[in-house]
C-alpha atoms as a PDB file:
ATOM      1  CA  MET A   1      11.200 -38.403 -28.233  1.00  0.00           C
ATOM      2  CA  PHE A   2      11.519 -40.397 -24.975  1.00  0.00           C
ATOM      3  CA  PRO A   3       8.846 -41.330 -22.338  1.00  0.00           C
ATOM      4  CA  ASP A   4       8.230 -38.686 -19.338  1.00  0.00           C
ATOM      5  CA  ASP A   5       9.862 -41.161 -17.063  1.00  0.00           C
ATOM      6  CA  ILE A   6      13.197 -41.467 -19.240  1.00  0.00           C
ATOM      7  CA  GLN A   7      12.761 -37.520 -19.615  1.00  0.00           C
ATOM      8  CA  ARG A   8      13.005 -36.925 -15.864  1.00  0.00           C
ATOM      9  CA  LEU A   9      15.489 -39.267 -15.140  1.00  0.00           C
ATOM     10  CA  ALA A  10      18.193 -37.438 -17.782  1.00  0.00           C
ATOM     11  CA  GLN A  11      16.976 -33.929 -16.856  1.00  0.00           C
ATOM     12  CA  GLN A  12      18.328 -35.309 -13.246  1.00  0.00           C
ATOM     13  CA  ILE A  13      21.109 -36.873 -14.204  1.00  0.00           C
ATOM     14  CA  VAL A  14      22.299 -33.729 -16.106  1.00  0.00           C
ATOM     15  CA  ALA A  15      21.527 -31.057 -13.655  1.00  0.00           C
ATOM     16  CA  ALA A  16      23.631 -33.533 -11.092  1.00  0.00           C
ATOM     17  CA  ALA A  17      26.532 -33.902 -13.080  1.00  0.00           C
ATOM     18  CA  SER A  18      26.485 -29.968 -13.845  1.00  0.00           C
ATOM     19  CA  ARG A  19      26.159 -29.103 -10.288  1.00  0.00           C
ATOM     20  CA  ARG A  20      29.032 -31.290  -9.170  1.00  0.00           C
ATOM     21  CA  GLY A  21      31.082 -30.325 -12.218  1.00  0.00           C
ATOM     22  CA  LEU A  22      31.360 -34.199 -13.197  1.00  0.00           C
ATOM     23  CA  MET A  23      31.756 -35.062 -16.696  1.00  0.00           C
ATOM     24  CA  LEU A  24      29.700 -38.407 -18.220  1.00  0.00           C
ATOM     25  CA  ALA A  25      30.060 -40.801 -20.839  1.00  0.00           C
ATOM     26  CA  THR A  26      28.065 -44.091 -22.035  1.00  0.00           C
ATOM     27  CA  ALA A  27      29.539 -47.280 -23.334  1.00  0.00           C
ATOM     28  CA  GLU A  28      26.844 -49.293 -25.031  1.00  0.00           C
ATOM     29  CA  SER A  29      26.419 -51.843 -27.203  1.00  0.00           C
ATOM     30  CA  CYS A  30      22.361 -53.425 -27.585  1.00  0.00           C
ATOM     31  CA  THR A  31      20.819 -49.953 -26.359  1.00  0.00           C
ATOM     32  CA  GLY A  32      22.957 -48.511 -29.381  1.00  0.00           C
ATOM     33  CA  GLY A  33      23.292 -44.895 -27.982  1.00  0.00           C
ATOM     34  CA  LEU A  34      20.064 -44.428 -26.534  1.00  0.00           C
ATOM     35  CA  VAL A  35      21.629 -43.304 -23.219  1.00  0.00           C
ATOM     36  CA  ALA A  36      23.484 -40.860 -24.798  1.00  0.00           C
ATOM     37  CA  GLY A  37      20.766 -39.907 -26.808  1.00  0.00           C
ATOM     38  CA  ALA A  38      18.726 -39.815 -23.762  1.00  0.00           C
ATOM     39  CA  LEU A  39      21.053 -37.385 -22.449  1.00  0.00           C
ATOM     40  CA  THR A  40      21.923 -35.137 -25.237  1.00  0.00           C
ATOM     41  CA  ALA A  41      17.685 -34.244 -25.881  1.00  0.00           C
ATOM     42  CA  ILE A  42      18.203 -32.300 -22.670  1.00  0.00           C
ATOM     43  CA  ALA A  43      19.193 -28.841 -23.098  1.00  0.00           C
ATOM     44  CA  GLY A  44      22.701 -28.263 -21.268  1.00  0.00           C
ATOM     45  CA  SER A  45      23.683 -31.835 -21.662  1.00  0.00           C
ATOM     46  CA  SER A  46      27.219 -30.556 -23.476  1.00  0.00           C
ATOM     47  CA  ALA A  47      27.953 -29.250 -19.827  1.00  0.00           C
ATOM     48  CA  ALA A  48      27.802 -33.052 -18.469  1.00  0.00           C
ATOM     49  CA  LEU A  49      28.483 -35.293 -21.479  1.00  0.00           C
ATOM     50  CA  ASP A  50      31.636 -35.669 -22.682  1.00  0.00           C
ATOM     51  CA  ARG A  51      31.169 -38.568 -25.148  1.00  0.00           C
ATOM     52  CA  GLY A  52      29.413 -42.032 -25.928  1.00  0.00           C
ATOM     53  CA  PHE A  53      30.772 -44.940 -27.287  1.00  0.00           C
ATOM     54  CA  VAL A  54      28.530 -47.448 -29.066  1.00  0.00           C
ATOM     55  CA  THR A  55      30.677 -50.502 -29.202  1.00  0.00           C
ATOM     56  CA  TYR A  56      28.470 -52.841 -30.858  1.00  0.00           C
ATOM     57  CA  SER A  57      30.920 -55.502 -31.810  1.00  0.00           C
ATOM     58  CA  ASN A  58      33.577 -57.071 -30.076  1.00  0.00           C
ATOM     59  CA  ALA A  59      35.981 -55.325 -32.131  1.00  0.00           C
ATOM     60  CA  ALA A  60      34.921 -51.774 -31.087  1.00  0.00           C
ATOM     61  CA  LYS A  61      34.714 -52.796 -27.551  1.00  0.00           C
ATOM     62  CA  THR A  62      38.230 -53.378 -27.842  1.00  0.00           C
ATOM     63  CA  GLN A  63      39.455 -50.922 -29.759  1.00  0.00           C
ATOM     64  CA  MET A  64      37.089 -47.654 -28.850  1.00  0.00           C
ATOM     65  CA  LEU A  65      37.087 -49.176 -24.731  1.00  0.00           C
ATOM     66  CA  GLY A  66      40.472 -50.949 -24.277  1.00  0.00           C
ATOM     67  CA  VAL A  67      38.638 -54.474 -23.523  1.00  0.00           C
ATOM     68  CA  ASP A  68      40.538 -57.197 -23.017  1.00  0.00           C
ATOM     69  CA  GLU A  69      39.858 -59.739 -25.946  1.00  0.00           C
ATOM     70  CA  GLY A  70      40.434 -62.063 -23.419  1.00  0.00           C
ATOM     71  CA  LEU A  71      37.646 -61.254 -21.192  1.00  0.00           C
ATOM     72  CA  LEU A  72      35.949 -61.572 -24.364  1.00  0.00           C
ATOM     73  CA  LYS A  73      36.561 -64.977 -25.164  1.00  0.00           C
ATOM     74  CA  THR A  74      36.189 -66.200 -21.763  1.00  0.00           C
ATOM     75  CA  HIS A  75      33.125 -64.861 -20.339  1.00  0.00           C
ATOM     76  CA  GLY A  76      31.552 -63.412 -24.034  1.00  0.00           C
ATOM     77  CA  ALA A  77      30.241 -60.019 -24.527  1.00  0.00           C
ATOM     78  CA  VAL A  78      27.071 -60.387 -22.507  1.00  0.00           C
ATOM     79  CA  SER A  79      28.790 -61.012 -18.680  1.00  0.00           C
ATOM     80  CA  GLU A  80      29.687 -58.789 -15.883  1.00  0.00           C
ATOM     81  CA  PRO A  81      33.525 -58.659 -16.267  1.00  0.00           C
ATOM     82  CA  VAL A  82      33.244 -57.246 -19.996  1.00  0.00           C
ATOM     83  CA  ALA A  83      30.364 -54.800 -18.555  1.00  0.00           C
ATOM     84  CA  ARG A  84      32.973 -53.615 -16.074  1.00  0.00           C
ATOM     85  CA  ALA A  85      35.710 -52.868 -18.389  1.00  0.00           C
ATOM     86  CA  MET A  86      33.474 -51.509 -20.629  1.00  0.00           C
ATOM     87  CA  ALA A  87      32.288 -48.618 -17.715  1.00  0.00           C
ATOM     88  CA  THR A  88      36.151 -48.417 -16.842  1.00  0.00           C
ATOM     89  CA  GLY A  89      37.208 -48.017 -20.168  1.00  0.00           C
ATOM     90  CA  ALA A  90      34.776 -45.147 -21.312  1.00  0.00           C
ATOM     91  CA  VAL A  91      36.058 -42.968 -18.280  1.00  0.00           C
ATOM     92  CA  GLY A  92      39.882 -44.217 -19.492  1.00  0.00           C
ATOM     93  CA  HIS A  93      39.368 -43.322 -22.605  1.00  0.00           C
ATOM     94  CA  SER A  94      37.502 -39.421 -22.195  1.00  0.00           C
ATOM     95  CA  ARG A  95      37.272 -36.753 -20.051  1.00  0.00           C
ATOM     96  CA  ALA A  96      34.929 -38.414 -17.794  1.00  0.00           C
ATOM     97  CA  VAL A  97      34.978 -39.475 -14.241  1.00  0.00           C
ATOM     98  CA  VAL A  98      31.317 -40.863 -14.178  1.00  0.00           C
ATOM     99  CA  SER A  99      29.994 -44.049 -16.770  1.00  0.00           C
ATOM    100  CA  VAL A 100      27.467 -46.537 -17.326  1.00  0.00           C
ATOM    101  CA  ALA A 101      27.754 -49.328 -19.729  1.00  0.00           C
ATOM    102  CA  VAL A 102      25.149 -51.804 -20.975  1.00  0.00           C
ATOM    103  CA  THR A 103      25.684 -54.994 -22.946  1.00  0.00           C
ATOM    104  CA  GLY A 104      22.903 -57.549 -23.478  1.00  0.00           C
ATOM    105  CA  VAL A 105      20.650 -59.557 -25.726  1.00  0.00           C
ATOM    106  CA  ALA A 106      17.894 -57.588 -27.095  1.00  0.00           C
ATOM    107  CA  GLY A 107      16.535 -60.190 -29.115  1.00  0.00           C
ATOM    108  CA  PRO A 108      14.395 -61.075 -31.151  1.00  0.00           C
ATOM    109  CA  GLY A 109      17.546 -63.744 -31.644  1.00  0.00           C
ATOM    110  CA  GLY A 110      20.855 -64.343 -30.100  1.00  0.00           C
ATOM    111  CA  GLY A 111      20.206 -66.022 -27.138  1.00  0.00           C
ATOM    112  CA  SER A 112      20.912 -69.109 -25.704  1.00  0.00           C
ATOM    113  CA  ALA A 113      19.983 -71.372 -22.582  1.00  0.00           C
ATOM    114  CA  GLU A 114      22.936 -69.623 -20.491  1.00  0.00           C
ATOM    115  CA  LYS A 115      22.428 -66.217 -21.741  1.00  0.00           C
ATOM    116  CA  PRO A 116      18.730 -65.802 -22.888  1.00  0.00           C
ATOM    117  CA  VAL A 117      16.621 -62.987 -25.054  1.00  0.00           C
ATOM    118  CA  GLY A 118      16.513 -60.258 -22.188  1.00  0.00           C
ATOM    119  CA  LEU A 119      19.513 -60.990 -20.412  1.00  0.00           C
ATOM    120  CA  VAL A 120      21.511 -57.630 -19.667  1.00  0.00           C
ATOM    121  CA  HIS A 121      24.626 -56.996 -17.829  1.00  0.00           C
ATOM    122  CA  PHE A 122      25.286 -53.033 -16.389  1.00  0.00           C
ATOM    123  CA  ALA A 123      28.191 -51.622 -14.988  1.00  0.00           C
ATOM    124  CA  ALA A 124      28.499 -47.569 -13.557  1.00  0.00           C
ATOM    125  CA  THR A 125      31.683 -45.983 -12.242  1.00  0.00           C
ATOM    126  CA  GLY A 126      32.041 -42.671 -10.829  1.00  0.00           C
ATOM    127  CA  PRO A 127      33.655 -41.550  -7.251  1.00  0.00           C
ATOM    128  CA  LYS A 128      31.524 -43.855  -5.535  1.00  0.00           C
ATOM    129  CA  GLY A 129      32.962 -46.739  -7.253  1.00  0.00           C
ATOM    130  CA  LEU A 130      32.239 -48.930  -9.468  1.00  0.00           C
ATOM    131  CA  VAL A 131      28.871 -51.346  -9.677  1.00  0.00           C
ATOM    132  CA  HIS A 132      27.332 -54.307 -11.513  1.00  0.00           C
ATOM    133  CA  ARG A 133      23.619 -54.965 -11.726  1.00  0.00           C
ATOM    134  CA  GLU A 134      22.463 -57.861 -13.624  1.00  0.00           C
ATOM    135  CA  GLU A 135      18.689 -57.821 -15.274  1.00  0.00           C
ATOM    136  CA  ARG A 136      16.909 -60.412 -16.788  1.00  0.00           C
ATOM    137  CA  PHE A 137      14.198 -59.060 -18.266  1.00  0.00           C
ATOM    138  CA  GLY A 138      12.481 -61.756 -20.380  1.00  0.00           C
ATOM    139  CA  ASP A 139      11.562 -61.999 -24.045  1.00  0.00           C
ATOM    140  CA  LEU A 140       9.888 -58.662 -24.165  1.00  0.00           C
ATOM    141  CA  GLY A 141      10.721 -57.763 -27.664  1.00  0.00           C
ATOM    142  CA  ARG A 142      13.594 -55.772 -28.792  1.00  0.00           C
ATOM    143  CA  GLU A 143      12.241 -52.483 -28.180  1.00  0.00           C
ATOM    144  CA  ALA A 144      10.818 -52.932 -24.766  1.00  0.00           C
ATOM    145  CA  VAL A 145      14.257 -54.780 -23.288  1.00  0.00           C
ATOM    146  CA  ARG A 146      15.954 -51.967 -25.134  1.00  0.00           C
ATOM    147  CA  LEU A 147      13.727 -49.011 -23.241  1.00  0.00           C
ATOM    148  CA  ALA A 148      14.355 -51.352 -19.824  1.00  0.00           C
ATOM    149  CA  ALA A 149      17.886 -50.936 -20.064  1.00  0.00           C
ATOM    150  CA  LEU A 150      17.560 -47.569 -21.025  1.00  0.00           C
ATOM    151  CA  ARG A 151      15.680 -46.880 -17.707  1.00  0.00           C
ATOM    152  CA  VAL A 152      18.445 -49.234 -15.628  1.00  0.00           C
ATOM    153  CA  ALA A 153      21.337 -47.533 -17.128  1.00  0.00           C
ATOM    154  CA  LEU A 154      19.767 -44.105 -16.521  1.00  0.00           C
ATOM    155  CA  GLU A 155      19.309 -45.193 -12.717  1.00  0.00           C
ATOM    156  CA  MET A 156      22.663 -46.226 -12.304  1.00  0.00           C
ATOM    157  CA  LEU A 157      24.164 -43.132 -13.352  1.00  0.00           C
ATOM    158  CA  LEU A 158      22.135 -41.196 -11.273  1.00  0.00           C
ATOM    159  CA  ASP A 159      23.203 -43.352  -8.278  1.00  0.00           C
ATOM    160  CA  ARG A 160      26.971 -42.531  -9.147  1.00  0.00           C
ATOM    161  CA  LEU A 161      25.949 -39.106  -8.974  1.00  0.00           C
ATOM    162  CA  ALA A 162      24.349 -39.132  -5.924  1.00  0.00           C
END
């Protein structure tokens, strides 16, 4: 279902989390559950993945992850503060100690001069702390932006487990 490189990353994440006894959670907007999907494609992932939150709307981010409405109003959903709040909220609303959050503009529409199509904010948290990453993939097409975001999210999860 997923390309080989994504499957390899997912396998490494499930193995590392299982080995360390750490549970994972995902908080996804523009990837719509692809990160959780890649992880659950791996046999034995139930030992590592607690849950995935698909929080496409601002209301879902607030209700499911506890993202402050003020952050959303001030910075918008596609921003560093919201990505950080999503990652923290995923841990706070699950049994996980490691999480990754993804929020961005996959396109083809919805972009602006400030937040163009292909802009994605990521955050990941775990025992090594909370990190943020911003990527500007460009207007590659919706599927390509989402797959690129999936790869970054998996790399960030693996990094939090290293």
